Amino acid sequence: MKGLSALIKRNCKLFFKDKGMFFTSLITPAILLVLYITFLGKVYRDSFESAMPEGFTLPDELINACVGGELISSLLAVCCVTVSFCSNMLMVQDKVSGARLDITMSPVKKSTLAMSYYISTLISTLIICLVSGGLCFIYLANTGWYLSIKDVLFIILDIVLLTLFGTALSSVINVFLSSQGQISAVGTIVSAGYGFICGAYMPISNFSDSLQKALSFLPSTYGTSLLRNHALSGTFDEMKKQHVPAEIVDGIAESVDCSPDFFGNTVETASMYIILTASVIILIGIYISINSMQRKKS
């Protein structure tokens, strides 16, 4: 345990010591929030308004709350994964600099070294994502706040769980990388593509049936849906209090992936948590197994 603790401290210090890496990871969510508000806000608003039956309108504050809830859930769903890839660069940089070879020359197990990278990346990513969550709450408070304490706590839980997933996923992928160019290439691909496949940029309900079925196998789909449910739960409750027909509220919830479908069966919230938790455990197991196999080959 002492060896693991020392490696975790070493990795965290190196991450925060690298001002460029740290501030880039920290500023990226804030930039994304501005971009989402600027470019996706109107798209989301038009989507909500088009879902209303002819002649039926919602108060502006409720529409703003719906748009805000979808925006922050999209941002957090993306950041928890993409930031983890940036935070996990140290694993590859140690290979490039030769520091990993020096560490493995000491009496440290490969599994201990692997977990030190995972835990230190988790800590760094979690700090950045929780700060991002705070920015999102500030934005929501200025546009339309209908969240309860329970909703806020569930959003924080979702951030933690998605960060665990993102860190595990980045660890499995980054363990195969060995150069700065590979880091940049993988980071670019993940930043550009992850938002689409997780339903952050555009709800999966808008995709074709075949693509919806394919994406229903990905844990990221359910991570985004959990954030959607908890970010919009208070807004949907307020709609019902203002006597908005239940079928309209359900239609809006379905259109933004609050009720994901798996081959005709609606996936409940509890099932989403089980899927995401199981995915984290499986990915960590794969990550440790890969490191053990590499040790045998060496």
C-alpha atoms as a PDB file:
ATOM      1  CA  MET A   1       0.000   0.000   0.000  1.00  0.00           C
ATOM      2  CA  LYS A   2       2.877   2.387   0.720  1.00  0.00           C
ATOM      3  CA  GLY A   3       4.250   1.855  -2.770  1.00  0.00           C
ATOM      4  CA  LEU A   4       0.837   2.488  -4.330  1.00  0.00           C
ATOM      5  CA  SER A   5       0.302   5.622  -2.236  1.00  0.00           C
ATOM      6  CA  ALA A   6       3.737   6.989  -3.162  1.00  0.00           C
ATOM      7  CA  LEU A   7       3.128   6.408  -6.883  1.00  0.00           C
ATOM      8  CA  ILE A   8      -0.295   8.070  -6.720  1.00  0.00           C
ATOM      9  CA  LYS A   9       1.195  11.130  -5.024  1.00  0.00           C
ATOM     10  CA  ARG A  10       4.001  11.222  -7.568  1.00  0.00           C
ATOM     11  CA  ASN A  11       1.579  11.047 -10.531  1.00  0.00           C
ATOM     12  CA  CYS A  12      -0.760  13.697  -9.113  1.00  0.00           C
ATOM     13  CA  LYS A  13       2.134  16.064  -8.393  1.00  0.00           C
ATOM     14  CA  LEU A  14       3.458  15.665 -11.939  1.00  0.00           C
ATOM     15  CA  PHE A  15       0.017  16.346 -13.408  1.00  0.00           C
ATOM     16  CA  PHE A  16      -0.610  19.513 -11.402  1.00  0.00           C
ATOM     17  CA  LYS A  17       3.001  20.605 -11.852  1.00  0.00           C
ATOM     18  CA  ASP A  18       2.529  20.588 -15.626  1.00  0.00           C
ATOM     19  CA  LYS A  19       0.644  23.906 -15.828  1.00  0.00           C
ATOM     20  CA  GLY A  20      -0.064  23.511 -19.532  1.00  0.00           C
ATOM     21  CA  MET A  21      -1.726  20.117 -19.122  1.00  0.00           C
ATOM     22  CA  PHE A  22      -3.615  21.138 -15.975  1.00  0.00           C
ATOM     23  CA  PHE A  23      -4.981  24.464 -17.186  1.00  0.00           C
ATOM     24  CA  THR A  24      -5.875  23.007 -20.581  1.00  0.00           C
ATOM     25  CA  SER A  25      -7.891  20.290 -18.846  1.00  0.00           C
ATOM     26  CA  LEU A  26      -9.502  22.863 -16.537  1.00  0.00           C
ATOM     27  CA  ILE A  27     -10.314  25.485 -19.166  1.00  0.00           C
ATOM     28  CA  THR A  28     -11.660  23.042 -21.766  1.00  0.00           C
ATOM     29  CA  PRO A  29     -15.016  22.437 -19.968  1.00  0.00           C
ATOM     30  CA  ALA A  30     -15.565  26.202 -19.577  1.00  0.00           C
ATOM     31  CA  ILE A  31     -14.862  26.747 -23.281  1.00  0.00           C
ATOM     32  CA  LEU A  32     -17.182  23.874 -24.169  1.00  0.00           C
ATOM     33  CA  LEU A  33     -19.947  25.386 -22.020  1.00  0.00           C
ATOM     34  CA  VAL A  34     -19.688  28.677 -23.923  1.00  0.00           C
ATOM     35  CA  LEU A  35     -19.675  26.831 -27.263  1.00  0.00           C
ATOM     36  CA  TYR A  36     -22.651  24.674 -26.261  1.00  0.00           C
ATOM     37  CA  ILE A  37     -24.649  27.724 -25.179  1.00  0.00           C
ATOM     38  CA  THR A  38     -23.733  29.573 -28.378  1.00  0.00           C
ATOM     39  CA  PHE A  39     -24.247  26.840 -30.957  1.00  0.00           C
ATOM     40  CA  LEU A  40     -26.409  24.138 -29.373  1.00  0.00           C
ATOM     41  CA  GLY A  41     -28.702  26.295 -27.245  1.00  0.00           C
ATOM     42  CA  LYS A  42     -30.874  27.415 -30.169  1.00  0.00           C
ATOM     43  CA  VAL A  43     -30.954  23.886 -31.603  1.00  0.00           C
ATOM     44  CA  TYR A  44     -32.185  22.478 -28.292  1.00  0.00           C
ATOM     45  CA  ARG A  45     -34.750  25.271 -27.899  1.00  0.00           C
ATOM     46  CA  ASP A  46     -36.145  24.653 -31.391  1.00  0.00           C
ATOM     47  CA  SER A  47     -36.294  20.939 -30.607  1.00  0.00           C
ATOM     48  CA  PHE A  48     -38.335  21.520 -27.441  1.00  0.00           C
ATOM     49  CA  GLU A  49     -40.688  23.973 -29.126  1.00  0.00           C
ATOM     50  CA  SER A  50     -41.260  21.638 -32.077  1.00  0.00           C
ATOM     51  CA  ALA A  51     -42.249  18.877 -29.642  1.00  0.00           C
ATOM     52  CA  MET A  52     -45.176  20.995 -28.428  1.00  0.00           C
ATOM     53  CA  PRO A  53     -48.606  20.295 -29.976  1.00  0.00           C
ATOM     54  CA  GLU A  54     -49.983  23.008 -32.216  1.00  0.00           C
ATOM     55  CA  GLY A  55     -51.433  25.850 -30.187  1.00  0.00           C
ATOM     56  CA  PHE A  56     -49.717  24.743 -26.953  1.00  0.00           C
ATOM     57  CA  THR A  57     -46.857  26.804 -25.500  1.00  0.00           C
ATOM     58  CA  LEU A  58     -44.656  26.583 -22.441  1.00  0.00           C
ATOM     59  CA  PRO A  59     -43.502  29.522 -20.296  1.00  0.00           C
ATOM     60  CA  ASP A  60     -40.067  30.811 -21.284  1.00  0.00           C
ATOM     61  CA  GLU A  61     -38.594  29.946 -17.884  1.00  0.00           C
ATOM     62  CA  LEU A  62     -39.527  26.281 -18.341  1.00  0.00           C
ATOM     63  CA  ILE A  63     -38.114  26.166 -21.867  1.00  0.00           C
ATOM     64  CA  ASN A  64     -34.917  27.827 -20.611  1.00  0.00           C
ATOM     65  CA  ALA A  65     -34.694  25.229 -17.829  1.00  0.00           C
ATOM     66  CA  CYS A  66     -35.168  22.399 -20.344  1.00  0.00           C
ATOM     67  CA  VAL A  67     -32.475  23.815 -22.636  1.00  0.00           C
ATOM     68  CA  GLY A  68     -30.142  24.418 -19.672  1.00  0.00           C
ATOM     69  CA  GLY A  69     -30.653  20.918 -18.296  1.00  0.00           C
ATOM     70  CA  GLU A  70     -29.901  19.324 -21.661  1.00  0.00           C
ATOM     71  CA  LEU A  71     -26.845  21.547 -22.159  1.00  0.00           C
ATOM     72  CA  ILE A  72     -25.216  20.793 -18.806  1.00  0.00           C
ATOM     73  CA  SER A  73     -25.938  17.070 -19.056  1.00  0.00           C
ATOM     74  CA  SER A  74     -24.338  17.021 -22.518  1.00  0.00           C
ATOM     75  CA  LEU A  75     -21.291  18.926 -21.298  1.00  0.00           C
ATOM     76  CA  LEU A  76     -20.731  16.762 -18.242  1.00  0.00           C
ATOM     77  CA  ALA A  77     -21.289  13.532 -20.189  1.00  0.00           C
ATOM     78  CA  VAL A  78     -18.520  14.529 -22.610  1.00  0.00           C
ATOM     79  CA  CYS A  79     -16.084  16.076 -20.115  1.00  0.00           C
ATOM     80  CA  CYS A  80     -16.023  13.103 -17.733  1.00  0.00           C
ATOM     81  CA  VAL A  81     -14.571  10.992 -20.544  1.00  0.00           C
ATOM     82  CA  THR A  82     -12.551  13.414 -22.687  1.00  0.00           C
ATOM     83  CA  VAL A  83     -10.828  15.076 -19.714  1.00  0.00           C
ATOM     84  CA  SER A  84      -9.770  11.650 -18.416  1.00  0.00           C
ATOM     85  CA  PHE A  85      -7.863  11.036 -21.670  1.00  0.00           C
ATOM     86  CA  CYS A  86      -5.996  14.312 -21.144  1.00  0.00           C
ATOM     87  CA  SER A  87      -5.298  13.547 -17.468  1.00  0.00           C
ATOM     88  CA  ASN A  88      -4.101  10.053 -18.367  1.00  0.00           C
ATOM     89  CA  MET A  89      -1.341  11.287 -20.690  1.00  0.00           C
ATOM     90  CA  LEU A  90       1.206  10.814 -17.912  1.00  0.00           C
ATOM     91  CA  MET A  91       1.052   7.056 -18.465  1.00  0.00           C
ATOM     92  CA  VAL A  92       2.299   7.507 -22.030  1.00  0.00           C
ATOM     93  CA  GLN A  93       4.713  10.331 -21.199  1.00  0.00           C
ATOM     94  CA  ASP A  94       6.459   8.051 -18.704  1.00  0.00           C
ATOM     95  CA  LYS A  95       7.041   5.575 -21.521  1.00  0.00           C
ATOM     96  CA  VAL A  96       8.400   8.297 -23.814  1.00  0.00           C
ATOM     97  CA  SER A  97      10.729   9.757 -21.165  1.00  0.00           C
ATOM     98  CA  GLY A  98      11.860   6.364 -19.882  1.00  0.00           C
ATOM     99  CA  ALA A  99      10.532   7.050 -16.368  1.00  0.00           C
ATOM    100  CA  ARG A 100       8.305   3.963 -16.530  1.00  0.00           C
ATOM    101  CA  LEU A 101      11.333   1.759 -17.167  1.00  0.00           C
ATOM    102  CA  ASP A 102      13.084   3.244 -14.120  1.00  0.00           C
ATOM    103  CA  ILE A 103       9.998   2.583 -11.977  1.00  0.00           C
ATOM    104  CA  THR A 104       9.664  -1.017 -13.140  1.00  0.00           C
ATOM    105  CA  MET A 105      13.306  -1.633 -12.226  1.00  0.00           C
ATOM    106  CA  SER A 106      12.292  -1.101  -8.596  1.00  0.00           C
ATOM    107  CA  PRO A 107      10.399  -3.810  -6.654  1.00  0.00           C
ATOM    108  CA  VAL A 108       6.975  -2.527  -7.750  1.00  0.00           C
ATOM    109  CA  LYS A 109       4.366  -4.884  -9.168  1.00  0.00           C
ATOM    110  CA  LYS A 110       2.982  -4.095 -12.612  1.00  0.00           C
ATOM    111  CA  SER A 111      -0.554  -4.233 -11.175  1.00  0.00           C
ATOM    112  CA  THR A 112       0.420  -1.669  -8.504  1.00  0.00           C
ATOM    113  CA  LEU A 113       1.882   0.657 -11.120  1.00  0.00           C
ATOM    114  CA  ALA A 114      -1.213   0.235 -13.307  1.00  0.00           C
ATOM    115  CA  MET A 115      -3.566   1.076 -10.432  1.00  0.00           C
ATOM    116  CA  SER A 116      -1.447   4.092  -9.467  1.00  0.00           C
ATOM    117  CA  TYR A 117      -1.983   5.556 -12.941  1.00  0.00           C
ATOM    118  CA  TYR A 118      -5.698   4.777 -12.760  1.00  0.00           C
ATOM    119  CA  ILE A 119      -6.286   6.265  -9.307  1.00  0.00           C
ATOM    120  CA  SER A 120      -4.179   9.389  -9.909  1.00  0.00           C
ATOM    121  CA  THR A 121      -5.975   9.991 -13.216  1.00  0.00           C
ATOM    122  CA  LEU A 122      -9.304   9.479 -11.459  1.00  0.00           C
ATOM    123  CA  ILE A 123      -8.418  12.062  -8.786  1.00  0.00           C
ATOM    124  CA  SER A 124      -7.237  14.663 -11.318  1.00  0.00           C
ATOM    125  CA  THR A 125     -10.221  14.141 -13.621  1.00  0.00           C
ATOM    126  CA  LEU A 126     -12.709  14.160 -10.773  1.00  0.00           C
ATOM    127  CA  ILE A 127     -11.432  17.506  -9.482  1.00  0.00           C
ATOM    128  CA  ILE A 128     -11.793  19.077 -12.929  1.00  0.00           C
ATOM    129  CA  CYS A 129     -15.222  17.531 -13.587  1.00  0.00           C
ATOM    130  CA  LEU A 130     -16.596  18.604 -10.195  1.00  0.00           C
ATOM    131  CA  VAL A 131     -15.396  22.157 -10.878  1.00  0.00           C
ATOM    132  CA  SER A 132     -17.144  21.892 -14.259  1.00  0.00           C
ATOM    133  CA  GLY A 133     -20.278  20.700 -12.479  1.00  0.00           C
ATOM    134  CA  GLY A 134     -20.127  23.806 -10.272  1.00  0.00           C
ATOM    135  CA  LEU A 135     -19.943  26.023 -13.383  1.00  0.00           C
ATOM    136  CA  CYS A 136     -22.926  24.182 -14.832  1.00  0.00           C
ATOM    137  CA  PHE A 137     -24.959  24.739 -11.657  1.00  0.00           C
ATOM    138  CA  ILE A 138     -24.122  28.465 -11.773  1.00  0.00           C
ATOM    139  CA  TYR A 139     -25.277  28.603 -15.400  1.00  0.00           C
ATOM    140  CA  LEU A 140     -28.489  26.740 -14.574  1.00  0.00           C
ATOM    141  CA  ALA A 141     -29.202  29.053 -11.630  1.00  0.00           C
ATOM    142  CA  ASN A 142     -29.149  31.997 -14.060  1.00  0.00           C
ATOM    143  CA  THR A 143     -31.365  30.380 -16.692  1.00  0.00           C
ATOM    144  CA  GLY A 144     -33.897  28.287 -14.807  1.00  0.00           C
ATOM    145  CA  TRP A 145     -33.301  26.369 -11.581  1.00  0.00           C
ATOM    146  CA  TYR A 146     -35.751  23.605 -10.684  1.00  0.00           C
ATOM    147  CA  LEU A 147     -33.279  21.122  -9.196  1.00  0.00           C
ATOM    148  CA  SER A 148     -33.840  19.686  -5.737  1.00  0.00           C
ATOM    149  CA  ILE A 149     -31.052  18.726  -3.335  1.00  0.00           C
ATOM    150  CA  LYS A 150     -31.694  15.123  -4.338  1.00  0.00           C
ATOM    151  CA  ASP A 151     -31.217  15.969  -8.023  1.00  0.00           C
ATOM    152  CA  VAL A 152     -27.936  17.778  -7.302  1.00  0.00           C
ATOM    153  CA  LEU A 153     -26.606  14.833  -5.301  1.00  0.00           C
ATOM    154  CA  PHE A 154     -27.565  12.403  -8.051  1.00  0.00           C
ATOM    155  CA  ILE A 155     -25.811  14.578 -10.659  1.00  0.00           C
ATOM    156  CA  ILE A 156     -22.655  14.527  -8.511  1.00  0.00           C
ATOM    157  CA  LEU A 157     -22.991  10.729  -8.247  1.00  0.00           C
ATOM    158  CA  ASP A 158     -23.356  10.528 -12.037  1.00  0.00           C
ATOM    159  CA  ILE A 159     -20.217  12.642 -12.479  1.00  0.00           C
ATOM    160  CA  VAL A 160     -18.256  10.326 -10.181  1.00  0.00           C
ATOM    161  CA  LEU A 161     -19.513   7.182 -11.936  1.00  0.00           C
ATOM    162  CA  LEU A 162     -18.881   8.561 -15.429  1.00  0.00           C
ATOM    163  CA  THR A 163     -15.419   9.689 -14.372  1.00  0.00           C
ATOM    164  CA  LEU A 164     -14.701   6.156 -13.151  1.00  0.00           C
ATOM    165  CA  PHE A 165     -15.878   4.892 -16.542  1.00  0.00           C
ATOM    166  CA  GLY A 166     -13.914   7.492 -18.532  1.00  0.00           C
ATOM    167  CA  THR A 167     -10.729   6.833 -16.557  1.00  0.00           C
ATOM    168  CA  ALA A 168     -11.070   3.068 -17.047  1.00  0.00           C
ATOM    169  CA  LEU A 169     -11.711   3.511 -20.780  1.00  0.00           C
ATOM    170  CA  SER A 170      -8.759   5.881 -21.249  1.00  0.00           C
ATOM    171  CA  SER A 171      -6.508   3.513 -19.273  1.00  0.00           C
ATOM    172  CA  VAL A 172      -7.379   0.545 -21.526  1.00  0.00           C
ATOM    173  CA  ILE A 173      -6.689   2.601 -24.666  1.00  0.00           C
ATOM    174  CA  ASN A 174      -3.658   4.566 -23.457  1.00  0.00           C
ATOM    175  CA  VAL A 175      -1.834   1.455 -22.274  1.00  0.00           C
ATOM    176  CA  PHE A 176      -1.159   0.640 -25.945  1.00  0.00           C
ATOM    177  CA  LEU A 177       0.213   4.115 -26.786  1.00  0.00           C
ATOM    178  CA  SER A 178       3.920   4.881 -26.752  1.00  0.00           C
ATOM    179  CA  SER A 179       4.473   8.284 -28.410  1.00  0.00           C
ATOM    180  CA  GLN A 180       3.347  11.894 -28.200  1.00  0.00           C
ATOM    181  CA  GLY A 181       1.865  11.700 -31.696  1.00  0.00           C
ATOM    182  CA  GLN A 182      -0.329   8.776 -30.704  1.00  0.00           C
ATOM    183  CA  ILE A 183      -1.570  10.715 -27.677  1.00  0.00           C
ATOM    184  CA  SER A 184      -2.571  13.661 -29.869  1.00  0.00           C
ATOM    185  CA  ALA A 185      -4.278  11.417 -32.430  1.00  0.00           C
ATOM    186  CA  VAL A 186      -6.324   9.509 -29.845  1.00  0.00           C
ATOM    187  CA  GLY A 187      -7.239  12.727 -28.015  1.00  0.00           C
ATOM    188  CA  THR A 188      -8.471  14.310 -31.245  1.00  0.00           C
ATOM    189  CA  ILE A 189     -10.548  11.263 -32.194  1.00  0.00           C
ATOM    190  CA  VAL A 190     -12.124  10.963 -28.750  1.00  0.00           C
ATOM    191  CA  SER A 191     -12.876  14.711 -28.506  1.00  0.00           C
ATOM    192  CA  ALA A 192     -14.463  14.762 -31.951  1.00  0.00           C
ATOM    193  CA  GLY A 193     -16.392  11.495 -31.864  1.00  0.00           C
ATOM    194  CA  TYR A 194     -17.401  10.721 -28.294  1.00  0.00           C
ATOM    195  CA  GLY A 195     -20.024  13.473 -28.079  1.00  0.00           C
ATOM    196  CA  PHE A 196     -21.910  11.938 -30.999  1.00  0.00           C
ATOM    197  CA  ILE A 197     -21.881   8.300 -29.924  1.00  0.00           C
ATOM    198  CA  CYS A 198     -22.964   9.125 -26.361  1.00  0.00           C
ATOM    199  CA  GLY A 199     -25.869  11.300 -27.519  1.00  0.00           C
ATOM    200  CA  ALA A 200     -24.501  14.570 -26.124  1.00  0.00           C
ATOM    201  CA  TYR A 201     -24.492  16.616 -29.332  1.00  0.00           C
ATOM    202  CA  MET A 202     -27.692  15.128 -30.717  1.00  0.00           C
ATOM    203  CA  PRO A 203     -30.159  12.879 -28.859  1.00  0.00           C
ATOM    204  CA  ILE A 204     -29.870   9.256 -29.917  1.00  0.00           C
ATOM    205  CA  SER A 205     -33.648   9.222 -30.443  1.00  0.00           C
ATOM    206  CA  ASN A 206     -33.001  11.327 -33.573  1.00  0.00           C
ATOM    207  CA  PHE A 207     -30.735   8.681 -35.120  1.00  0.00           C
ATOM    208  CA  SER A 208     -31.823   5.869 -37.427  1.00  0.00           C
ATOM    209  CA  ASP A 209     -33.275   2.704 -35.871  1.00  0.00           C
ATOM    210  CA  SER A 210     -30.222   0.620 -36.749  1.00  0.00           C
ATOM    211  CA  LEU A 211     -27.837   3.160 -35.217  1.00  0.00           C
ATOM    212  CA  GLN A 212     -30.010   3.442 -32.099  1.00  0.00           C
ATOM    213  CA  LYS A 213     -29.835  -0.326 -31.642  1.00  0.00           C
ATOM    214  CA  ALA A 214     -26.058  -0.316 -32.097  1.00  0.00           C
ATOM    215  CA  LEU A 215     -25.540   2.541 -29.602  1.00  0.00           C
ATOM    216  CA  SER A 216     -27.813   0.848 -27.058  1.00  0.00           C
ATOM    217  CA  PHE A 217     -24.953  -1.602 -26.408  1.00  0.00           C
ATOM    218  CA  LEU A 218     -22.590   1.216 -25.327  1.00  0.00           C
ATOM    219  CA  PRO A 219     -22.410   2.150 -21.604  1.00  0.00           C
ATOM    220  CA  SER A 220     -21.876   5.803 -22.577  1.00  0.00           C
ATOM    221  CA  THR A 221     -25.489   5.944 -23.788  1.00  0.00           C
ATOM    222  CA  TYR A 222     -26.755   5.236 -20.287  1.00  0.00           C
ATOM    223  CA  GLY A 223     -24.291   7.592 -18.621  1.00  0.00           C
ATOM    224  CA  THR A 224     -25.656  10.480 -20.671  1.00  0.00           C
ATOM    225  CA  SER A 225     -29.224   9.355 -19.960  1.00  0.00           C
ATOM    226  CA  LEU A 226     -28.616   9.355 -16.201  1.00  0.00           C
ATOM    227  CA  LEU A 227     -27.379  12.943 -16.341  1.00  0.00           C
ATOM    228  CA  ARG A 228     -30.341  13.910 -18.537  1.00  0.00           C
ATOM    229  CA  ASN A 229     -32.832  12.391 -16.103  1.00  0.00           C
ATOM    230  CA  HIS A 230     -31.418  14.138 -13.049  1.00  0.00           C
ATOM    231  CA  ALA A 231     -30.742  17.493 -14.758  1.00  0.00           C
ATOM    232  CA  LEU A 232     -34.312  17.648 -16.099  1.00  0.00           C
ATOM    233  CA  SER A 233     -36.237  15.880 -13.346  1.00  0.00           C
ATOM    234  CA  GLY A 234     -37.162  19.092 -11.502  1.00  0.00           C
ATOM    235  CA  THR A 235     -38.227  20.793 -14.741  1.00  0.00           C
ATOM    236  CA  PHE A 236     -40.527  17.902 -15.657  1.00  0.00           C
ATOM    237  CA  ASP A 237     -42.048  17.978 -12.161  1.00  0.00           C
ATOM    238  CA  GLU A 238     -42.698  21.708 -12.535  1.00  0.00           C
ATOM    239  CA  MET A 239     -44.380  21.104 -15.894  1.00  0.00           C
ATOM    240  CA  LYS A 240     -46.760  18.640 -14.254  1.00  0.00           C
ATOM    241  CA  LYS A 241     -47.485  21.153 -11.481  1.00  0.00           C
ATOM    242  CA  GLN A 242     -48.438  23.678 -14.166  1.00  0.00           C
ATOM    243  CA  HIS A 243     -50.860  21.120 -15.618  1.00  0.00           C
ATOM    244  CA  VAL A 244     -48.868  20.310 -18.724  1.00  0.00           C
ATOM    245  CA  PRO A 245     -50.387  17.059 -20.092  1.00  0.00           C
ATOM    246  CA  ALA A 246     -48.437  13.968 -19.040  1.00  0.00           C
ATOM    247  CA  GLU A 247     -48.130  12.745 -22.638  1.00  0.00           C
ATOM    248  CA  ILE A 248     -46.324  15.983 -23.595  1.00  0.00           C
ATOM    249  CA  VAL A 249     -43.903  15.686 -20.661  1.00  0.00           C
ATOM    250  CA  ASP A 250     -43.254  12.031 -21.495  1.00  0.00           C
ATOM    251  CA  GLY A 251     -42.750  12.943 -25.155  1.00  0.00           C
ATOM    252  CA  ILE A 252     -40.155  15.574 -24.268  1.00  0.00           C
ATOM    253  CA  ALA A 253     -38.374  13.160 -21.918  1.00  0.00           C
ATOM    254  CA  GLU A 254     -38.258  10.493 -24.615  1.00  0.00           C
ATOM    255  CA  SER A 255     -36.984  12.939 -27.232  1.00  0.00           C
ATOM    256  CA  VAL A 256     -33.927  13.814 -25.088  1.00  0.00           C
ATOM    257  CA  ASP A 257     -33.050  10.192 -24.216  1.00  0.00           C
ATOM    258  CA  CYS A 258     -34.366  10.176 -20.660  1.00  0.00           C
ATOM    259  CA  SER A 259     -35.964   6.793 -21.428  1.00  0.00           C
ATOM    260  CA  PRO A 260     -33.419   4.879 -23.549  1.00  0.00           C
ATOM    261  CA  ASP A 261     -34.692   1.861 -25.413  1.00  0.00           C
ATOM    262  CA  PHE A 262     -32.985  -1.514 -25.710  1.00  0.00           C
ATOM    263  CA  PHE A 263     -34.667  -3.516 -28.486  1.00  0.00           C
ATOM    264  CA  GLY A 264     -38.146  -2.376 -27.501  1.00  0.00           C
ATOM    265  CA  ASN A 265     -37.586  -2.428 -23.723  1.00  0.00           C
ATOM    266  CA  THR A 266     -37.239   0.776 -21.732  1.00  0.00           C
ATOM    267  CA  VAL A 267     -34.087   0.770 -19.592  1.00  0.00           C
ATOM    268  CA  GLU A 268     -34.860   1.905 -16.040  1.00  0.00           C
ATOM    269  CA  THR A 269     -32.580   4.160 -13.995  1.00  0.00           C
ATOM    270  CA  ALA A 270     -31.480   1.345 -11.679  1.00  0.00           C
ATOM    271  CA  SER A 271     -30.503  -0.757 -14.698  1.00  0.00           C
ATOM    272  CA  MET A 272     -28.462   2.128 -16.109  1.00  0.00           C
ATOM    273  CA  TYR A 273     -26.462   2.318 -12.872  1.00  0.00           C
ATOM    274  CA  ILE A 274     -25.869  -1.442 -12.969  1.00  0.00           C
ATOM    275  CA  ILE A 275     -24.711  -1.289 -16.614  1.00  0.00           C
ATOM    276  CA  LEU A 276     -22.322   1.604 -15.980  1.00  0.00           C
ATOM    277  CA  THR A 277     -20.924   0.081 -12.765  1.00  0.00           C
ATOM    278  CA  ALA A 278     -20.411  -3.304 -14.434  1.00  0.00           C
ATOM    279  CA  SER A 279     -18.655  -1.583 -17.356  1.00  0.00           C
ATOM    280  CA  VAL A 280     -16.225   0.141 -14.977  1.00  0.00           C
ATOM    281  CA  ILE A 281     -15.403  -3.151 -13.248  1.00  0.00           C
ATOM    282  CA  ILE A 282     -14.926  -4.980 -16.568  1.00  0.00           C
ATOM    283  CA  LEU A 283     -12.709  -2.234 -18.031  1.00  0.00           C
ATOM    284  CA  ILE A 284     -10.522  -2.106 -14.907  1.00  0.00           C
ATOM    285  CA  GLY A 285     -10.186  -5.891 -15.065  1.00  0.00           C
ATOM    286  CA  ILE A 286      -9.155  -5.686 -18.726  1.00  0.00           C
ATOM    287  CA  TYR A 287      -6.668  -2.914 -17.946  1.00  0.00           C
ATOM    288  CA  ILE A 288      -4.973  -4.890 -15.174  1.00  0.00           C
ATOM    289  CA  SER A 289      -4.968  -8.044 -17.318  1.00  0.00           C
ATOM    290  CA  ILE A 290      -3.269  -6.202 -20.192  1.00  0.00           C
ATOM    291  CA  ASN A 291      -0.527  -4.970 -17.849  1.00  0.00           C
ATOM    292  CA  SER A 292      -0.034  -8.490 -16.480  1.00  0.00           C
ATOM    293  CA  MET A 293       0.220  -9.916 -20.011  1.00  0.00           C
ATOM    294  CA  GLN A 294       2.775  -7.274 -20.958  1.00  0.00           C
ATOM    295  CA  ARG A 295       4.857  -8.279 -17.959  1.00  0.00           C
ATOM    296  CA  LYS A 296       4.865 -11.909 -19.049  1.00  0.00           C
ATOM    297  CA  LYS A 297       5.906 -10.951 -22.595  1.00  0.00           C
ATOM    298  CA  SER A 298       8.726  -8.767 -21.322  1.00  0.00           C
END
